[in-house]
Amino acid sequence: MIDKEKLKKAAQQWMNAWNDRNMEKVMAHYVDDAIFYSPTVVSRWNTPDGKLKGRAAIEKHFRKGLEEKPDMHFEFHAILYGTEGVILVYKRETGVLAADLVLFNNEGRVKEVRCYYGQ
């Protein structure tokens, strides 16, 4: 059984870390061999499957995103709970809604993320 309050708190800490530009706190949520899928990976790195593997590659992607969008900001909207993860729904600084499917390992750290963006 997942601890909903613990997951909601972790999600809010993750968003706060992003909004504070604290990459160490952002990356503390991820396991070393995490997998990350996003349309931004396709556009930023010309990677057709949109997949990054490993904390180092993910952190490089995130840091580049902050360089490109220094006003990046996430506004929490909702969290949806599943059996091994959550979907975080939030609004970007652009006004676009986003949803991240986040899967956790047994220790509650992020092992996989799949990002989805509205228009």
N, C-alpha and C. Protein backbone atom coordinates (compact mmCIF):
# COMPACT_ATOMS: atom_id res chain seq x y z
N MET A 1 0.84 -1.19 0.00
CA MET A 1 0.00 0.00 0.00
C MET A 1 0.89 1.25 0.00
N ILE A 2 0.58 2.18 -0.87
CA ILE A 2 1.39 3.39 -0.94
C ILE A 2 0.91 4.40 0.11
N ASP A 3 1.84 5.20 0.58
CA ASP A 3 1.56 6.24 1.56
C ASP A 3 1.27 7.53 0.79
N LYS A 4 -0.01 7.84 0.63
CA LYS A 4 -0.41 8.98 -0.21
C LYS A 4 0.14 10.31 0.31
N GLU A 5 0.11 10.50 1.62
CA GLU A 5 0.60 11.76 2.18
C GLU A 5 2.10 11.91 1.95
N LYS A 6 2.84 10.82 2.09
CA LYS A 6 4.28 10.86 1.85
C LYS A 6 4.58 11.20 0.39
N LEU A 7 3.83 10.60 -0.53
CA LEU A 7 4.04 10.88 -1.94
C LEU A 7 3.66 12.31 -2.30
N LYS A 8 2.56 12.80 -1.73
CA LYS A 8 2.16 14.19 -2.00
C LYS A 8 3.22 15.16 -1.48
N LYS A 9 3.76 14.88 -0.30
CA LYS A 9 4.80 15.74 0.26
C LYS A 9 6.05 15.70 -0.62
N ALA A 10 6.44 14.52 -1.09
CA ALA A 10 7.61 14.40 -1.96
C ALA A 10 7.39 15.17 -3.26
N ALA A 11 6.19 15.09 -3.83
CA ALA A 11 5.87 15.81 -5.06
C ALA A 11 5.99 17.32 -4.85
N GLN A 12 5.47 17.80 -3.74
CA GLN A 12 5.54 19.23 -3.46
C GLN A 12 6.99 19.67 -3.21
N GLN A 13 7.78 18.82 -2.55
CA GLN A 13 9.19 19.13 -2.34
C GLN A 13 9.93 19.20 -3.67
N TRP A 14 9.60 18.28 -4.58
CA TRP A 14 10.22 18.26 -5.90
C TRP A 14 9.92 19.55 -6.65
N MET A 15 8.64 19.97 -6.64
CA MET A 15 8.27 21.20 -7.33
C MET A 15 8.91 22.42 -6.68
N ASN A 16 8.96 22.44 -5.36
CA ASN A 16 9.61 23.55 -4.66
C ASN A 16 11.09 23.62 -5.01
N ALA A 17 11.75 22.45 -5.10
CA ALA A 17 13.16 22.42 -5.46
C ALA A 17 13.36 22.99 -6.87
N TRP A 18 12.47 22.63 -7.80
CA TRP A 18 12.54 23.20 -9.14
C TRP A 18 12.37 24.71 -9.09
N ASN A 19 11.35 25.15 -8.39
CA ASN A 19 11.05 26.59 -8.35
C ASN A 19 12.16 27.37 -7.65
N ASP A 20 12.91 26.71 -6.75
CA ASP A 20 14.05 27.33 -6.06
C ASP A 20 15.35 27.18 -6.84
N ARG A 21 15.30 26.48 -7.98
CA ARG A 21 16.48 26.20 -8.81
C ARG A 21 17.52 25.39 -8.04
N ASN A 22 17.07 24.50 -7.16
CA ASN A 22 17.97 23.69 -6.34
C ASN A 22 18.10 22.30 -6.97
N MET A 23 19.05 22.18 -7.89
CA MET A 23 19.19 20.94 -8.64
C MET A 23 19.58 19.75 -7.76
N GLU A 24 20.33 19.99 -6.69
CA GLU A 24 20.70 18.89 -5.80
C GLU A 24 19.45 18.29 -5.17
N LYS A 25 18.53 19.12 -4.73
CA LYS A 25 17.28 18.62 -4.13
C LYS A 25 16.39 17.95 -5.18
N VAL A 26 16.37 18.50 -6.39
CA VAL A 26 15.60 17.87 -7.47
C VAL A 26 16.14 16.46 -7.72
N MET A 27 17.43 16.35 -7.90
CA MET A 27 18.05 15.08 -8.28
C MET A 27 18.07 14.07 -7.14
N ALA A 28 17.93 14.52 -5.91
CA ALA A 28 17.91 13.60 -4.76
C ALA A 28 16.73 12.63 -4.84
N HIS A 29 15.73 12.96 -5.61
CA HIS A 29 14.54 12.10 -5.75
C HIS A 29 14.78 10.91 -6.68
N TYR A 30 15.83 10.97 -7.52
CA TYR A 30 16.04 9.99 -8.58
C TYR A 30 17.08 8.94 -8.21
N VAL A 31 16.84 7.69 -8.61
CA VAL A 31 17.84 6.64 -8.47
C VAL A 31 18.90 6.82 -9.55
N ASP A 32 20.06 6.20 -9.36
CA ASP A 32 21.17 6.37 -10.30
C ASP A 32 20.83 5.93 -11.72
N ASP A 33 20.02 4.86 -11.84
CA ASP A 33 19.70 4.33 -13.18
C ASP A 33 18.29 4.71 -13.63
N ALA A 34 17.82 5.86 -13.17
CA ALA A 34 16.48 6.32 -13.54
C ALA A 34 16.36 6.48 -15.05
N ILE A 35 15.12 6.35 -15.52
CA ILE A 35 14.80 6.54 -16.94
C ILE A 35 13.82 7.70 -17.03
N PHE A 36 14.02 8.55 -18.03
CA PHE A 36 13.22 9.76 -18.19
C PHE A 36 12.83 9.91 -19.65
N TYR A 37 11.53 10.07 -19.91
CA TYR A 37 11.00 10.28 -21.25
C TYR A 37 10.31 11.64 -21.30
N SER A 38 10.59 12.41 -22.34
CA SER A 38 9.94 13.71 -22.47
C SER A 38 10.05 14.23 -23.90
N PRO A 39 9.01 14.94 -24.35
CA PRO A 39 9.12 15.60 -25.65
C PRO A 39 10.28 16.60 -25.69
N THR A 40 10.65 17.16 -24.53
CA THR A 40 11.78 18.10 -24.52
C THR A 40 13.10 17.41 -24.80
N VAL A 41 13.20 16.12 -24.50
CA VAL A 41 14.41 15.36 -24.84
C VAL A 41 14.53 15.25 -26.35
N VAL A 42 13.40 15.01 -27.00
CA VAL A 42 13.40 14.92 -28.47
C VAL A 42 13.89 16.23 -29.08
N SER A 43 13.31 17.33 -28.65
CA SER A 43 13.65 18.62 -29.25
C SER A 43 15.03 19.12 -28.83
N ARG A 44 15.42 18.91 -27.59
CA ARG A 44 16.68 19.46 -27.10
C ARG A 44 17.89 18.65 -27.55
N TRP A 45 17.76 17.34 -27.59
CA TRP A 45 18.91 16.48 -27.87
C TRP A 45 18.77 15.69 -29.16
N ASN A 46 17.70 15.93 -29.92
CA ASN A 46 17.45 15.22 -31.16
C ASN A 46 17.48 13.71 -30.94
N THR A 47 16.80 13.28 -29.89
CA THR A 47 16.70 11.87 -29.52
C THR A 47 15.29 11.41 -29.88
N PRO A 48 15.13 10.64 -30.96
CA PRO A 48 13.79 10.30 -31.46
C PRO A 48 12.85 9.65 -30.45
N ASP A 49 13.38 8.81 -29.56
CA ASP A 49 12.49 8.15 -28.59
C ASP A 49 12.25 8.98 -27.34
N GLY A 50 12.92 10.12 -27.21
CA GLY A 50 12.71 11.00 -26.07
C GLY A 50 13.17 10.43 -24.75
N LYS A 51 14.11 9.48 -24.79
CA LYS A 51 14.51 8.74 -23.59
C LYS A 51 15.92 9.12 -23.14
N LEU A 52 16.04 9.36 -21.83
CA LEU A 52 17.35 9.53 -21.20
C LEU A 52 17.48 8.46 -20.13
N LYS A 53 18.70 7.97 -19.96
CA LYS A 53 18.93 6.93 -18.97
C LYS A 53 20.06 7.36 -18.04
N GLY A 54 19.79 7.32 -16.74
CA GLY A 54 20.78 7.65 -15.74
C GLY A 54 20.66 9.06 -15.21
N ARG A 55 21.00 9.21 -13.93
CA ARG A 55 20.91 10.51 -13.26
C ARG A 55 21.74 11.58 -13.94
N ALA A 56 22.94 11.23 -14.39
CA ALA A 56 23.82 12.24 -15.00
C ALA A 56 23.19 12.83 -16.25
N ALA A 57 22.63 11.99 -17.11
CA ALA A 57 21.98 12.47 -18.34
C ALA A 57 20.74 13.30 -18.02
N ILE A 58 19.98 12.85 -17.03
CA ILE A 58 18.76 13.58 -16.65
C ILE A 58 19.13 14.94 -16.06
N GLU A 59 20.13 14.96 -15.20
CA GLU A 59 20.54 16.24 -14.60
C GLU A 59 21.05 17.20 -15.67
N LYS A 60 21.82 16.71 -16.63
CA LYS A 60 22.30 17.56 -17.74
C LYS A 60 21.12 18.16 -18.49
N HIS A 61 20.10 17.34 -18.73
CA HIS A 61 18.89 17.80 -19.42
C HIS A 61 18.18 18.89 -18.60
N PHE A 62 18.03 18.65 -17.31
CA PHE A 62 17.35 19.61 -16.44
C PHE A 62 18.12 20.93 -16.37
N ARG A 63 19.42 20.85 -16.22
CA ARG A 63 20.23 22.08 -16.15
C ARG A 63 20.15 22.88 -17.45
N LYS A 64 20.15 22.18 -18.56
CA LYS A 64 20.01 22.86 -19.87
C LYS A 64 18.64 23.53 -19.95
N GLY A 65 17.61 22.87 -19.43
CA GLY A 65 16.28 23.46 -19.42
C GLY A 65 16.22 24.75 -18.62
N LEU A 66 16.91 24.77 -17.48
CA LEU A 66 16.95 25.99 -16.67
C LEU A 66 17.73 27.10 -17.38
N GLU A 67 18.76 26.73 -18.13
CA GLU A 67 19.49 27.73 -18.92
C GLU A 67 18.59 28.34 -19.99
N GLU A 68 17.85 27.48 -20.67
CA GLU A 68 16.99 27.92 -21.77
C GLU A 68 15.76 28.68 -21.28
N LYS A 69 15.27 28.31 -20.12
CA LYS A 69 14.05 28.93 -19.58
C LYS A 69 14.31 29.37 -18.14
N PRO A 70 15.02 30.47 -17.95
CA PRO A 70 15.35 30.91 -16.59
C PRO A 70 14.13 31.27 -15.74
N ASP A 71 13.00 31.48 -16.37
CA ASP A 71 11.78 31.81 -15.63
C ASP A 71 10.91 30.57 -15.36
N MET A 72 11.48 29.39 -15.60
CA MET A 72 10.72 28.14 -15.41
C MET A 72 10.11 28.10 -14.01
N HIS A 73 8.83 27.75 -13.97
CA HIS A 73 8.10 27.68 -12.71
C HIS A 73 6.98 26.65 -12.84
N PHE A 74 6.80 25.86 -11.80
CA PHE A 74 5.74 24.85 -11.78
C PHE A 74 4.71 25.21 -10.72
N GLU A 75 3.45 25.13 -11.09
CA GLU A 75 2.35 25.37 -10.15
C GLU A 75 1.58 24.06 -9.98
N PHE A 76 1.63 23.50 -8.79
CA PHE A 76 0.98 22.23 -8.49
C PHE A 76 -0.53 22.32 -8.69
N HIS A 77 -1.10 21.31 -9.37
CA HIS A 77 -2.55 21.26 -9.56
C HIS A 77 -3.18 20.03 -8.93
N ALA A 78 -2.58 18.84 -9.15
CA ALA A 78 -3.19 17.62 -8.62
C ALA A 78 -2.17 16.49 -8.62
N ILE A 79 -2.47 15.51 -7.80
CA ILE A 79 -1.70 14.28 -7.80
C ILE A 79 -2.69 13.12 -7.87
N LEU A 80 -2.43 12.19 -8.77
CA LEU A 80 -3.26 11.01 -8.95
C LEU A 80 -2.43 9.80 -8.54
N TYR A 81 -3.01 8.91 -7.74
CA TYR A 81 -2.26 7.80 -7.16
C TYR A 81 -2.53 6.49 -7.89
N GLY A 82 -1.46 5.73 -8.10
CA GLY A 82 -1.57 4.39 -8.67
C GLY A 82 -0.96 3.39 -7.71
N THR A 83 -0.66 2.20 -8.21
CA THR A 83 -0.12 1.16 -7.35
C THR A 83 1.38 1.28 -7.12
N GLU A 84 2.12 1.81 -8.10
CA GLU A 84 3.56 1.95 -7.92
C GLU A 84 4.07 3.34 -8.29
N GLY A 85 3.13 4.28 -8.35
CA GLY A 85 3.54 5.63 -8.69
C GLY A 85 2.39 6.61 -8.67
N VAL A 86 2.67 7.76 -9.23
CA VAL A 86 1.71 8.85 -9.24
C VAL A 86 1.74 9.55 -10.60
N ILE A 87 0.71 10.33 -10.85
CA ILE A 87 0.72 11.27 -11.95
C ILE A 87 0.62 12.65 -11.32
N LEU A 88 1.59 13.49 -11.61
CA LEU A 88 1.59 14.86 -11.12
C LEU A 88 1.05 15.76 -12.22
N VAL A 89 0.08 16.55 -11.88
CA VAL A 89 -0.50 17.51 -12.83
C VAL A 89 -0.12 18.90 -12.33
N TYR A 90 0.47 19.68 -13.23
CA TYR A 90 0.93 21.01 -12.86
C TYR A 90 0.88 21.93 -14.06
N LYS A 91 0.96 23.22 -13.79
CA LYS A 91 0.98 24.22 -14.85
C LYS A 91 2.38 24.79 -14.94
N ARG A 92 2.86 24.92 -16.18
CA ARG A 92 4.17 25.52 -16.43
C ARG A 92 4.05 27.04 -16.45
N GLU A 93 5.19 27.73 -16.41
CA GLU A 93 5.22 29.19 -16.46
C GLU A 93 4.61 29.72 -17.75
N THR A 94 4.52 28.88 -18.76
CA THR A 94 3.94 29.27 -20.04
C THR A 94 2.42 29.21 -20.04
N GLY A 95 1.85 28.66 -18.96
CA GLY A 95 0.41 28.46 -18.89
C GLY A 95 -0.03 27.10 -19.37
N VAL A 96 0.90 26.31 -19.91
CA VAL A 96 0.60 24.98 -20.42
C VAL A 96 0.49 23.98 -19.27
N LEU A 97 -0.54 23.14 -19.33
CA LEU A 97 -0.67 22.07 -18.35
C LEU A 97 0.28 20.94 -18.71
N ALA A 98 0.83 20.30 -17.69
CA ALA A 98 1.73 19.17 -17.87
C ALA A 98 1.33 18.08 -16.88
N ALA A 99 1.67 16.86 -17.24
CA ALA A 99 1.44 15.72 -16.35
C ALA A 99 2.65 14.80 -16.46
N ASP A 100 3.17 14.41 -15.31
CA ASP A 100 4.30 13.48 -15.27
C ASP A 100 3.84 12.19 -14.61
N LEU A 101 4.02 11.09 -15.30
CA LEU A 101 3.82 9.77 -14.71
C LEU A 101 5.14 9.42 -14.03
N VAL A 102 5.11 9.22 -12.72
CA VAL A 102 6.32 8.99 -11.94
C VAL A 102 6.20 7.63 -11.25
N LEU A 103 7.14 6.74 -11.56
CA LEU A 103 7.17 5.41 -10.96
C LEU A 103 8.29 5.34 -9.94
N PHE A 104 8.03 4.65 -8.82
CA PHE A 104 8.98 4.59 -7.72
C PHE A 104 9.53 3.19 -7.50
N ASN A 105 10.74 3.14 -6.93
CA ASN A 105 11.28 1.85 -6.53
C ASN A 105 10.77 1.52 -5.11
N ASN A 106 11.24 0.44 -4.53
CA ASN A 106 10.77 0.02 -3.20
C ASN A 106 11.16 0.98 -2.09
N GLU A 107 12.19 1.80 -2.32
CA GLU A 107 12.61 2.78 -1.32
C GLU A 107 11.91 4.12 -1.49
N GLY A 108 11.02 4.23 -2.45
CA GLY A 108 10.28 5.46 -2.66
C GLY A 108 11.02 6.49 -3.49
N ARG A 109 12.07 6.08 -4.19
CA ARG A 109 12.79 7.00 -5.07
C ARG A 109 12.34 6.79 -6.50
N VAL A 110 12.49 7.82 -7.31
CA VAL A 110 12.00 7.81 -8.69
C VAL A 110 12.88 6.91 -9.56
N LYS A 111 12.21 5.95 -10.24
CA LYS A 111 12.93 5.07 -11.15
C LYS A 111 12.59 5.37 -12.61
N GLU A 112 11.42 5.96 -12.85
CA GLU A 112 11.03 6.30 -14.22
C GLU A 112 10.05 7.45 -14.22
N VAL A 113 10.21 8.33 -15.22
CA VAL A 113 9.29 9.45 -15.41
C VAL A 113 8.93 9.52 -16.89
N ARG A 114 7.65 9.75 -17.15
CA ARG A 114 7.17 9.99 -18.51
C ARG A 114 6.37 11.30 -18.48
N CYS A 115 6.83 12.27 -19.25
CA CYS A 115 6.24 13.61 -19.24
C CYS A 115 5.29 13.82 -20.42
N TYR A 116 4.22 14.53 -20.13
CA TYR A 116 3.20 14.85 -21.14
C TYR A 116 2.84 16.32 -21.00
N TYR A 117 2.70 16.99 -22.15
CA TYR A 117 2.42 18.43 -22.15
C TYR A 117 1.19 18.74 -22.99
N GLY A 118 0.40 19.69 -22.49
CA GLY A 118 -0.77 20.16 -23.24
C GLY A 118 -0.33 21.16 -24.30
N GLN A 119 -1.30 21.73 -24.97
CA GLN A 119 -1.02 22.69 -26.04
C GLN A 119 -1.14 24.10 -25.53
